[in-house]
Amino acid sequence: MKNVKNIIMRIVAVFAASGLSVIGAGALVGISTLKAVVLAGTLGVATVVEALARFFLEDGKLTTQEINDAFAKVDKRNKPKESNES
């Protein structure tokens, strides 16, 4: 349950970080600010949810490392760690 709460809160943070990063970009291409924020936020969340789903499909569970790697995909400051598995 602790992981679920952590994932939900981090997804909210992804939406905010992705959405707020495009505040001015929408105006440049003729899209309203609200639509640009919602689109960017949704795309960031979709990236994370897809990664979590793919990790879950591998073995039916999510490790802390897999969760962190999924969120690292949308964090420009943090890159996912490479797997050393052969």
Protein backbone atom coordinates (compact mmCIF):
# COMPACT_ATOMS: atom_id res chain seq x y z
CA MET A 1 0.00 0.00 0.00
CA LYS A 2 2.93 2.31 0.73
CA ASN A 3 4.19 1.81 -2.84
CA VAL A 4 0.76 2.64 -4.28
CA LYS A 5 0.59 5.93 -2.40
CA ASN A 6 4.18 6.74 -3.44
CA ILE A 7 3.39 5.99 -7.11
CA ILE A 8 0.22 8.11 -7.07
CA MET A 9 1.98 11.08 -5.49
CA ARG A 10 4.87 10.79 -7.92
CA ILE A 11 2.45 10.62 -10.88
CA VAL A 12 0.87 13.87 -9.68
CA ALA A 13 4.35 15.37 -9.51
CA VAL A 14 5.11 14.15 -13.05
CA PHE A 15 1.93 15.79 -14.31
CA ALA A 16 2.82 19.07 -12.62
CA ALA A 17 6.46 19.06 -13.71
CA SER A 18 5.67 18.08 -17.30
CA GLY A 19 2.73 20.46 -17.56
CA LEU A 20 4.40 23.47 -16.04
CA SER A 21 7.47 23.08 -18.24
CA VAL A 22 5.44 24.09 -21.32
CA ILE A 23 3.65 27.18 -20.00
CA GLY A 24 5.05 29.47 -22.69
CA ALA A 25 5.40 26.89 -25.46
CA GLY A 26 1.68 26.68 -26.18
CA ALA A 27 1.46 30.38 -26.95
CA LEU A 28 4.22 30.05 -29.53
CA VAL A 29 2.25 27.54 -31.58
CA GLY A 30 -1.23 28.91 -30.99
CA ILE A 31 -2.44 26.49 -28.30
CA SER A 32 -4.05 27.81 -25.13
CA THR A 33 -1.90 27.58 -22.03
CA LEU A 34 -4.35 25.24 -20.29
CA LYS A 35 -4.45 22.83 -23.23
CA ALA A 36 -0.64 22.83 -23.50
CA VAL A 37 -0.26 22.09 -19.78
CA VAL A 38 -2.84 19.29 -19.85
CA LEU A 39 -1.32 17.74 -22.97
CA ALA A 40 2.25 17.81 -21.64
CA GLY A 41 1.19 16.56 -18.22
CA THR A 42 -0.82 13.71 -19.71
CA LEU A 43 2.04 12.66 -21.98
CA GLY A 44 4.44 12.60 -19.02
CA VAL A 45 2.04 10.47 -16.98
CA ALA A 46 1.45 8.13 -19.93
CA THR A 47 5.20 7.57 -20.26
CA VAL A 48 5.46 6.57 -16.59
CA VAL A 49 2.35 4.36 -16.61
CA GLU A 50 3.58 2.56 -19.74
CA ALA A 51 6.98 1.90 -18.15
CA LEU A 52 5.36 0.64 -14.93
CA ALA A 53 3.09 -1.66 -16.96
CA ARG A 54 6.02 -3.06 -18.93
CA PHE A 55 8.03 -3.72 -15.75
CA PHE A 56 4.98 -5.40 -14.18
CA LEU A 57 4.47 -7.59 -17.26
CA GLU A 58 7.98 -9.02 -16.89
CA ASP A 59 7.34 -10.85 -13.62
CA GLY A 60 4.05 -9.68 -12.12
CA LYS A 61 5.62 -7.42 -9.51
CA LEU A 62 7.24 -4.01 -9.24
CA THR A 63 10.48 -3.55 -7.35
CA THR A 64 11.54 -0.21 -5.93
CA GLN A 65 14.26 -0.03 -8.60
CA GLU A 66 11.72 -0.62 -11.38
CA ILE A 67 9.47 2.09 -9.98
CA ASN A 68 12.39 4.51 -9.77
CA ASP A 69 13.48 3.63 -13.32
CA ALA A 70 9.97 4.28 -14.65
CA PHE A 71 9.90 7.75 -13.12
CA ALA A 72 13.46 8.46 -14.25
CA LYS A 73 12.22 8.26 -17.84
CA VAL A 74 10.47 11.62 -17.42
CA ASP A 75 12.93 13.26 -15.03
CA LYS A 76 15.39 15.21 -17.15
CA ARG A 77 17.83 15.34 -14.23
CA ASN A 78 17.79 11.61 -13.58
CA LYS A 79 18.46 8.89 -16.14
CA PRO A 80 17.31 5.27 -15.66
CA LYS A 81 20.03 2.89 -14.53
CA GLU A 82 21.11 0.31 -17.05
CA SER A 83 20.37 -3.29 -16.20
CA ASN A 84 23.42 -5.53 -15.78
CA GLU A 85 21.42 -8.66 -16.59
CA SER A 86 22.62 -10.80 -19.50
